[in-house]
Amino acid sequence: MKKKKKAVTIILIVFILVFGFIFGGYFAIKTVMTKGAINYLQDKYNMAYNQITVLDYEMKKPGNDTSFLPLNTYWSPYKWKLEYNDKSFFVNRIDGKYYDDYQLDEIESVATEWFKNNINNNIVGIKLSSANIINYQARIAGNITINEKNIKDFLNDKNTYSGINRFTYYDVDLMVESTYFDTLSQTDKNNLLDEVKEKLPNSHIQYVIGTDASKISKERNKFIYWLSEYNEMD
């Protein structure tokens, strides 16, 4: 009986030690990686450390892309959902480097102005996603800020639109005033898209949609970049 109790005690101790090691390791990694993400934001945007709030966190984990066979197994990177000055955004850690979508609203605004000035003044919005921004940063540009000086480079790079398997794309929509949209024939829409393609040959913009400019909302599709869409870049 004593040997049985001793064996049970040993098993319990081992279980506690293993659980403690795993649990402690998780929090140690989370602490180190999160501190790195916050330091990255401080350096890039001069954010105040004590004003950055972590809303959600996900560890690096394996995933599968089932779009094509054979199945493509890859590592989904560390991800954070954060908030700064009442604005929520995402940070990913890919191949040891951090990338973010903090500028999503600003880039949409700057891109809209570029399209108004270079394509058609009736364009009132452009619908981007976090995937467009983070893919571009991770594959070509690094941790740069995007503004009116380099917005054309961003819009004209194929990496801005390509998905994880290089065969799928994150399409970007052009939005025009609904009253103007109603006057466009399909030929007119195609001509507008052709003009975009002429000036941005590497872009992947395939749709023109009508909208009320006062109702354009800034939305982040959480599925695209939070669950398992980013693989570790080669």
C-alpha atoms as a PDB file:
ATOM      1  CA  MET A   1       0.000   0.000   0.000  1.00  0.00           C
ATOM      2  CA  LYS A   2       2.821   2.374   0.892  1.00  0.00           C
ATOM      3  CA  LYS A   3       4.565   1.636  -2.421  1.00  0.00           C
ATOM      4  CA  LYS A   4       1.328   2.347  -4.287  1.00  0.00           C
ATOM      5  CA  LYS A   5       0.870   5.650  -2.472  1.00  0.00           C
ATOM      6  CA  LYS A   6       4.511   6.524  -3.145  1.00  0.00           C
ATOM      7  CA  ALA A   7       4.089   5.756  -6.860  1.00  0.00           C
ATOM      8  CA  VAL A   8       0.948   7.885  -7.035  1.00  0.00           C
ATOM      9  CA  THR A   9       2.766  10.710  -5.263  1.00  0.00           C
ATOM     10  CA  ILE A  10       5.697  10.520  -7.675  1.00  0.00           C
ATOM     11  CA  ILE A  11       3.364  10.540 -10.682  1.00  0.00           C
ATOM     12  CA  LEU A  12       1.506  13.525  -9.234  1.00  0.00           C
ATOM     13  CA  ILE A  13       4.758  15.408  -8.618  1.00  0.00           C
ATOM     14  CA  VAL A  14       5.968  14.680 -12.168  1.00  0.00           C
ATOM     15  CA  PHE A  15       2.633  15.824 -13.568  1.00  0.00           C
ATOM     16  CA  ILE A  16       2.784  19.057 -11.579  1.00  0.00           C
ATOM     17  CA  LEU A  17       6.374  19.692 -12.670  1.00  0.00           C
ATOM     18  CA  VAL A  18       5.621  19.032 -16.342  1.00  0.00           C
ATOM     19  CA  PHE A  19       2.457  21.148 -16.227  1.00  0.00           C
ATOM     20  CA  GLY A  20       4.322  23.903 -14.429  1.00  0.00           C
ATOM     21  CA  PHE A  21       7.131  23.777 -16.979  1.00  0.00           C
ATOM     22  CA  ILE A  22       4.718  24.019 -19.917  1.00  0.00           C
ATOM     23  CA  PHE A  23       2.568  26.682 -18.277  1.00  0.00           C
ATOM     24  CA  GLY A  24       5.596  28.669 -17.161  1.00  0.00           C
ATOM     25  CA  GLY A  25       7.201  28.347 -20.582  1.00  0.00           C
ATOM     26  CA  TYR A  26       4.057  29.639 -22.247  1.00  0.00           C
ATOM     27  CA  PHE A  27       3.969  32.763 -20.098  1.00  0.00           C
ATOM     28  CA  ALA A  28       7.713  33.297 -20.422  1.00  0.00           C
ATOM     29  CA  ILE A  29       7.495  33.164 -24.222  1.00  0.00           C
ATOM     30  CA  LYS A  30       4.378  35.330 -24.223  1.00  0.00           C
ATOM     31  CA  THR A  31       6.083  37.922 -22.012  1.00  0.00           C
ATOM     32  CA  VAL A  32       9.254  38.073 -24.103  1.00  0.00           C
ATOM     33  CA  MET A  33       7.468  38.135 -27.462  1.00  0.00           C
ATOM     34  CA  THR A  34       4.908  40.693 -26.313  1.00  0.00           C
ATOM     35  CA  LYS A  35       7.621  42.966 -24.959  1.00  0.00           C
ATOM     36  CA  GLY A  36       9.311  42.710 -28.364  1.00  0.00           C
ATOM     37  CA  ALA A  37       6.075  43.670 -30.122  1.00  0.00           C
ATOM     38  CA  ILE A  38       5.581  46.688 -27.874  1.00  0.00           C
ATOM     39  CA  ASN A  39       9.197  47.795 -28.268  1.00  0.00           C
ATOM     40  CA  TYR A  40       8.754  47.505 -32.034  1.00  0.00           C
ATOM     41  CA  LEU A  41       5.714  49.799 -31.915  1.00  0.00           C
ATOM     42  CA  GLN A  42       7.577  52.294 -29.746  1.00  0.00           C
ATOM     43  CA  ASP A  43      10.456  52.439 -32.225  1.00  0.00           C
ATOM     44  CA  LYS A  44       8.275  52.646 -35.331  1.00  0.00           C
ATOM     45  CA  TYR A  45       5.519  54.991 -34.172  1.00  0.00           C
ATOM     46  CA  ASN A  46       6.965  56.535 -31.002  1.00  0.00           C
ATOM     47  CA  MET A  47       4.072  55.112 -28.965  1.00  0.00           C
ATOM     48  CA  ALA A  48       4.040  55.508 -25.191  1.00  0.00           C
ATOM     49  CA  TYR A  49       4.633  52.105 -23.572  1.00  0.00           C
ATOM     50  CA  ASN A  50       2.052  52.505 -20.821  1.00  0.00           C
ATOM     51  CA  GLN A  51      -0.673  53.447 -23.337  1.00  0.00           C
ATOM     52  CA  ILE A  52      -0.410  50.207 -25.359  1.00  0.00           C
ATOM     53  CA  THR A  53      -2.950  47.587 -24.265  1.00  0.00           C
ATOM     54  CA  VAL A  54      -2.808  43.913 -25.273  1.00  0.00           C
ATOM     55  CA  LEU A  55      -6.350  42.745 -26.092  1.00  0.00           C
ATOM     56  CA  ASP A  56      -5.591  39.277 -27.444  1.00  0.00           C
ATOM     57  CA  TYR A  57      -2.643  36.986 -28.156  1.00  0.00           C
ATOM     58  CA  GLU A  58      -2.030  33.783 -30.076  1.00  0.00           C
ATOM     59  CA  MET A  59       1.059  31.571 -30.012  1.00  0.00           C
ATOM     60  CA  LYS A  60       2.909  30.383 -33.079  1.00  0.00           C
ATOM     61  CA  LYS A  61       1.316  27.127 -34.238  1.00  0.00           C
ATOM     62  CA  PRO A  62       1.204  24.748 -37.224  1.00  0.00           C
ATOM     63  CA  GLY A  63      -1.535  25.115 -39.815  1.00  0.00           C
ATOM     64  CA  ASN A  64      -2.602  23.751 -43.188  1.00  0.00           C
ATOM     65  CA  ASP A  65      -3.502  25.418 -46.432  1.00  0.00           C
ATOM     66  CA  THR A  66      -6.110  23.162 -48.041  1.00  0.00           C
ATOM     67  CA  SER A  67      -6.614  25.290 -51.153  1.00  0.00           C
ATOM     68  CA  PHE A  68      -4.277  23.106 -53.181  1.00  0.00           C
ATOM     69  CA  LEU A  69      -3.080  19.518 -52.972  1.00  0.00           C
ATOM     70  CA  PRO A  70      -0.875  18.191 -51.581  1.00  0.00           C
ATOM     71  CA  LEU A  71      -1.646  19.890 -48.291  1.00  0.00           C
ATOM     72  CA  ASN A  72       0.747  22.681 -47.418  1.00  0.00           C
ATOM     73  CA  THR A  73       1.736  22.580 -43.756  1.00  0.00           C
ATOM     74  CA  TYR A  74       3.157  25.816 -42.430  1.00  0.00           C
ATOM     75  CA  TRP A  75       3.670  27.754 -39.216  1.00  0.00           C
ATOM     76  CA  SER A  76       1.175  30.438 -38.317  1.00  0.00           C
ATOM     77  CA  PRO A  77       3.123  33.234 -36.573  1.00  0.00           C
ATOM     78  CA  TYR A  78       2.665  34.901 -33.205  1.00  0.00           C
ATOM     79  CA  LYS A  79      -0.176  37.410 -33.319  1.00  0.00           C
ATOM     80  CA  TRP A  80      -1.370  40.233 -31.074  1.00  0.00           C
ATOM     81  CA  LYS A  81      -4.434  42.394 -31.069  1.00  0.00           C
ATOM     82  CA  LEU A  82      -3.533  45.671 -29.368  1.00  0.00           C
ATOM     83  CA  GLU A  83      -5.048  49.049 -28.656  1.00  0.00           C
ATOM     84  CA  TYR A  84      -3.490  52.492 -28.590  1.00  0.00           C
ATOM     85  CA  ASN A  85      -5.389  55.749 -28.113  1.00  0.00           C
ATOM     86  CA  ASP A  86      -8.710  53.907 -28.528  1.00  0.00           C
ATOM     87  CA  LYS A  87      -7.583  52.405 -31.858  1.00  0.00           C
ATOM     88  CA  SER A  88      -7.284  48.616 -32.155  1.00  0.00           C
ATOM     89  CA  PHE A  89      -4.839  46.983 -34.567  1.00  0.00           C
ATOM     90  CA  PHE A  90      -2.794  43.829 -35.130  1.00  0.00           C
ATOM     91  CA  VAL A  91       0.874  42.856 -34.963  1.00  0.00           C
ATOM     92  CA  ASN A  92       2.350  39.647 -36.408  1.00  0.00           C
ATOM     93  CA  ARG A  93       5.820  38.208 -35.792  1.00  0.00           C
ATOM     94  CA  ILE A  94       7.081  36.568 -38.991  1.00  0.00           C
ATOM     95  CA  ASP A  95      10.554  35.041 -39.292  1.00  0.00           C
ATOM     96  CA  GLY A  96      11.669  36.831 -36.144  1.00  0.00           C
ATOM     97  CA  LYS A  97      10.448  40.271 -37.272  1.00  0.00           C
ATOM     98  CA  TYR A  98       7.348  42.247 -36.334  1.00  0.00           C
ATOM     99  CA  TYR A  99       4.813  43.710 -38.777  1.00  0.00           C
ATOM    100  CA  ASP A 100       1.589  45.602 -38.133  1.00  0.00           C
ATOM    101  CA  ASP A 101      -1.583  47.033 -39.658  1.00  0.00           C
ATOM    102  CA  TYR A 102      -1.731  50.138 -37.465  1.00  0.00           C
ATOM    103  CA  GLN A 103      -1.758  52.352 -40.564  1.00  0.00           C
ATOM    104  CA  LEU A 104      -4.706  50.618 -42.256  1.00  0.00           C
ATOM    105  CA  ASP A 105      -7.083  53.614 -42.069  1.00  0.00           C
ATOM    106  CA  GLU A 106      -4.353  56.081 -43.011  1.00  0.00           C
ATOM    107  CA  ILE A 107      -3.201  54.005 -45.990  1.00  0.00           C
ATOM    108  CA  GLU A 108      -6.767  53.698 -47.265  1.00  0.00           C
ATOM    109  CA  SER A 109      -7.096  57.477 -47.091  1.00  0.00           C
ATOM    110  CA  VAL A 110      -3.762  58.174 -48.831  1.00  0.00           C
ATOM    111  CA  ALA A 111      -4.507  55.534 -51.488  1.00  0.00           C
ATOM    112  CA  THR A 112      -7.919  57.073 -52.139  1.00  0.00           C
ATOM    113  CA  GLU A 113      -6.309  60.446 -52.765  1.00  0.00           C
ATOM    114  CA  TRP A 114      -3.846  58.855 -55.170  1.00  0.00           C
ATOM    115  CA  PHE A 115      -6.694  57.256 -57.152  1.00  0.00           C
ATOM    116  CA  LYS A 116      -8.676  60.501 -57.166  1.00  0.00           C
ATOM    117  CA  ASN A 117      -5.695  62.432 -58.506  1.00  0.00           C
ATOM    118  CA  ASN A 118      -4.419  59.852 -60.981  1.00  0.00           C
ATOM    119  CA  ILE A 119      -7.403  57.766 -62.100  1.00  0.00           C
ATOM    120  CA  ASN A 120     -10.814  59.337 -61.508  1.00  0.00           C
ATOM    121  CA  ASN A 121     -11.993  62.111 -59.205  1.00  0.00           C
ATOM    122  CA  ASN A 122     -15.212  60.193 -58.491  1.00  0.00           C
ATOM    123  CA  ILE A 123     -13.329  57.542 -56.519  1.00  0.00           C
ATOM    124  CA  VAL A 124     -14.215  58.049 -52.845  1.00  0.00           C
ATOM    125  CA  GLY A 125     -12.613  55.042 -51.181  1.00  0.00           C
ATOM    126  CA  ILE A 126     -10.452  51.947 -51.467  1.00  0.00           C
ATOM    127  CA  LYS A 127     -11.022  48.802 -49.436  1.00  0.00           C
ATOM    128  CA  LEU A 128      -7.796  47.272 -48.123  1.00  0.00           C
ATOM    129  CA  SER A 129      -7.207  44.561 -45.531  1.00  0.00           C
ATOM    130  CA  SER A 130      -4.485  43.909 -42.987  1.00  0.00           C
ATOM    131  CA  ALA A 131      -3.254  41.103 -45.235  1.00  0.00           C
ATOM    132  CA  ASN A 132      -2.385  43.625 -47.963  1.00  0.00           C
ATOM    133  CA  ILE A 133      -0.264  45.676 -45.579  1.00  0.00           C
ATOM    134  CA  ILE A 134       1.500  42.902 -43.659  1.00  0.00           C
ATOM    135  CA  ASN A 135       2.259  40.830 -46.778  1.00  0.00           C
ATOM    136  CA  TYR A 136       3.848  43.880 -48.387  1.00  0.00           C
ATOM    137  CA  GLN A 137       5.919  44.680 -45.306  1.00  0.00           C
ATOM    138  CA  ALA A 138       7.037  41.101 -44.741  1.00  0.00           C
ATOM    139  CA  ARG A 139       7.908  40.256 -48.330  1.00  0.00           C
ATOM    140  CA  ILE A 140       9.325  43.423 -49.816  1.00  0.00           C
ATOM    141  CA  ALA A 141       9.385  46.622 -47.787  1.00  0.00           C
ATOM    142  CA  GLY A 142      10.269  45.831 -44.190  1.00  0.00           C
ATOM    143  CA  ASN A 143       9.048  47.904 -41.280  1.00  0.00           C
ATOM    144  CA  ILE A 144       8.459  51.144 -43.115  1.00  0.00           C
ATOM    145  CA  THR A 145       5.586  53.568 -42.796  1.00  0.00           C
ATOM    146  CA  ILE A 146       3.476  54.071 -45.907  1.00  0.00           C
ATOM    147  CA  ASN A 147       2.571  57.605 -46.971  1.00  0.00           C
ATOM    148  CA  GLU A 148       1.877  59.744 -50.033  1.00  0.00           C
ATOM    149  CA  LYS A 149       5.533  59.438 -51.136  1.00  0.00           C
ATOM    150  CA  ASN A 150       5.547  55.644 -51.439  1.00  0.00           C
ATOM    151  CA  ILE A 151       1.839  54.807 -51.785  1.00  0.00           C
ATOM    152  CA  LYS A 152       2.242  54.046 -55.509  1.00  0.00           C
ATOM    153  CA  ASP A 153       4.996  51.512 -54.739  1.00  0.00           C
ATOM    154  CA  PHE A 154       2.655  49.835 -52.270  1.00  0.00           C
ATOM    155  CA  LEU A 155      -0.272  49.778 -54.705  1.00  0.00           C
ATOM    156  CA  ASN A 156       1.878  48.530 -57.580  1.00  0.00           C
ATOM    157  CA  ASP A 157       3.575  45.606 -55.837  1.00  0.00           C
ATOM    158  CA  LYS A 158       2.226  42.096 -56.429  1.00  0.00           C
ATOM    159  CA  ASN A 159       3.097  41.131 -52.840  1.00  0.00           C
ATOM    160  CA  THR A 160       0.448  43.568 -51.627  1.00  0.00           C
ATOM    161  CA  TYR A 161      -2.225  41.328 -53.111  1.00  0.00           C
ATOM    162  CA  SER A 162      -0.843  37.777 -53.031  1.00  0.00           C
ATOM    163  CA  GLY A 163      -2.011  35.158 -50.526  1.00  0.00           C
ATOM    164  CA  ILE A 164       0.042  32.598 -48.648  1.00  0.00           C
ATOM    165  CA  ASN A 165       0.172  30.127 -51.520  1.00  0.00           C
ATOM    166  CA  ARG A 166       0.919  32.777 -54.197  1.00  0.00           C
ATOM    167  CA  PHE A 167      -2.085  31.515 -56.194  1.00  0.00           C
ATOM    168  CA  THR A 168      -4.819  33.319 -54.259  1.00  0.00           C
ATOM    169  CA  TYR A 169      -5.217  37.079 -53.938  1.00  0.00           C
ATOM    170  CA  TYR A 170      -6.582  39.603 -51.499  1.00  0.00           C
ATOM    171  CA  ASP A 171      -8.531  41.726 -53.930  1.00  0.00           C
ATOM    172  CA  VAL A 172      -8.836  45.465 -53.408  1.00  0.00           C
ATOM    173  CA  ASP A 173     -12.109  47.223 -54.230  1.00  0.00           C
ATOM    174  CA  LEU A 174     -12.437  50.710 -55.664  1.00  0.00           C
ATOM    175  CA  MET A 175     -15.420  52.643 -54.320  1.00  0.00           C
ATOM    176  CA  VAL A 176     -17.157  55.436 -56.215  1.00  0.00           C
ATOM    177  CA  GLU A 177     -20.124  57.613 -55.331  1.00  0.00           C
ATOM    178  CA  SER A 178     -23.344  55.624 -55.729  1.00  0.00           C
ATOM    179  CA  THR A 179     -24.943  58.294 -57.950  1.00  0.00           C
ATOM    180  CA  TYR A 180     -21.931  58.159 -60.281  1.00  0.00           C
ATOM    181  CA  PHE A 181     -21.852  54.365 -60.122  1.00  0.00           C
ATOM    182  CA  ASP A 182     -25.443  54.214 -61.355  1.00  0.00           C
ATOM    183  CA  THR A 183     -24.423  56.004 -64.545  1.00  0.00           C
ATOM    184  CA  LEU A 184     -21.660  53.509 -65.369  1.00  0.00           C
ATOM    185  CA  SER A 185     -22.128  50.710 -67.869  1.00  0.00           C
ATOM    186  CA  GLN A 186     -20.126  47.524 -67.555  1.00  0.00           C
ATOM    187  CA  THR A 187     -17.891  48.849 -70.302  1.00  0.00           C
ATOM    188  CA  ASP A 188     -17.295  52.032 -68.287  1.00  0.00           C
ATOM    189  CA  LYS A 189     -16.318  49.966 -65.252  1.00  0.00           C
ATOM    190  CA  ASN A 190     -13.974  47.843 -67.317  1.00  0.00           C
ATOM    191  CA  ASN A 191     -12.384  50.953 -68.814  1.00  0.00           C
ATOM    192  CA  LEU A 192     -11.837  52.339 -65.321  1.00  0.00           C
ATOM    193  CA  LEU A 193     -10.159  49.116 -64.224  1.00  0.00           C
ATOM    194  CA  ASP A 194      -8.071  49.077 -67.413  1.00  0.00           C
ATOM    195  CA  GLU A 195      -6.818  52.568 -66.600  1.00  0.00           C
ATOM    196  CA  VAL A 196      -5.836  51.369 -63.129  1.00  0.00           C
ATOM    197  CA  LYS A 197      -4.000  48.412 -64.655  1.00  0.00           C
ATOM    198  CA  GLU A 198      -2.179  50.694 -67.062  1.00  0.00           C
ATOM    199  CA  LYS A 199      -0.790  52.851 -64.254  1.00  0.00           C
ATOM    200  CA  LEU A 200      -0.452  50.038 -61.707  1.00  0.00           C
ATOM    201  CA  PRO A 201       0.397  46.962 -63.819  1.00  0.00           C
ATOM    202  CA  ASN A 202       1.197  44.760 -60.811  1.00  0.00           C
ATOM    203  CA  SER A 203      -2.016  45.556 -58.953  1.00  0.00           C
ATOM    204  CA  HIS A 204      -4.925  43.169 -58.452  1.00  0.00           C
ATOM    205  CA  ILE A 205      -7.946  45.474 -58.405  1.00  0.00           C
ATOM    206  CA  GLN A 206     -10.930  43.812 -60.051  1.00  0.00           C
ATOM    207  CA  TYR A 207     -14.067  45.475 -58.724  1.00  0.00           C
ATOM    208  CA  VAL A 208     -15.682  48.899 -58.807  1.00  0.00           C
ATOM    209  CA  ILE A 209     -18.510  49.313 -56.312  1.00  0.00           C
ATOM    210  CA  GLY A 210     -20.905  52.162 -55.575  1.00  0.00           C
ATOM    211  CA  THR A 211     -21.245  53.577 -52.098  1.00  0.00           C
ATOM    212  CA  ASP A 212     -22.414  56.544 -50.090  1.00  0.00           C
ATOM    213  CA  ALA A 213     -19.174  58.308 -49.144  1.00  0.00           C
ATOM    214  CA  SER A 214     -20.573  59.215 -45.717  1.00  0.00           C
ATOM    215  CA  LYS A 215     -21.140  55.521 -44.952  1.00  0.00           C
ATOM    216  CA  ILE A 216     -17.681  54.156 -45.761  1.00  0.00           C
ATOM    217  CA  SER A 217     -16.637  52.145 -42.720  1.00  0.00           C
ATOM    218  CA  LYS A 218     -13.206  50.902 -41.705  1.00  0.00           C
ATOM    219  CA  GLU A 219     -13.472  47.218 -40.892  1.00  0.00           C
ATOM    220  CA  ARG A 220     -10.885  44.571 -40.160  1.00  0.00           C
ATOM    221  CA  ASN A 221     -11.726  41.044 -41.277  1.00  0.00           C
ATOM    222  CA  LYS A 222     -10.369  39.124 -38.306  1.00  0.00           C
ATOM    223  CA  PHE A 223     -10.371  35.789 -40.102  1.00  0.00           C
ATOM    224  CA  ILE A 224      -7.913  36.890 -42.757  1.00  0.00           C
ATOM    225  CA  TYR A 225      -4.956  37.601 -40.516  1.00  0.00           C
ATOM    226  CA  TRP A 226      -5.791  36.335 -37.035  1.00  0.00           C
ATOM    227  CA  LEU A 227      -6.604  32.637 -37.359  1.00  0.00           C
ATOM    228  CA  SER A 228      -4.087  30.975 -39.643  1.00  0.00           C
ATOM    229  CA  GLU A 229      -3.510  32.864 -42.848  1.00  0.00           C
ATOM    230  CA  TYR A 230       0.127  33.920 -42.479  1.00  0.00           C
ATOM    231  CA  ASN A 231       2.845  31.367 -43.058  1.00  0.00           C
ATOM    232  CA  GLU A 232       6.471  31.871 -42.203  1.00  0.00           C
ATOM    233  CA  MET A 233       7.971  33.638 -45.213  1.00  0.00           C
ATOM    234  CA  ASP A 234      10.798  32.017 -47.148  1.00  0.00           C
END
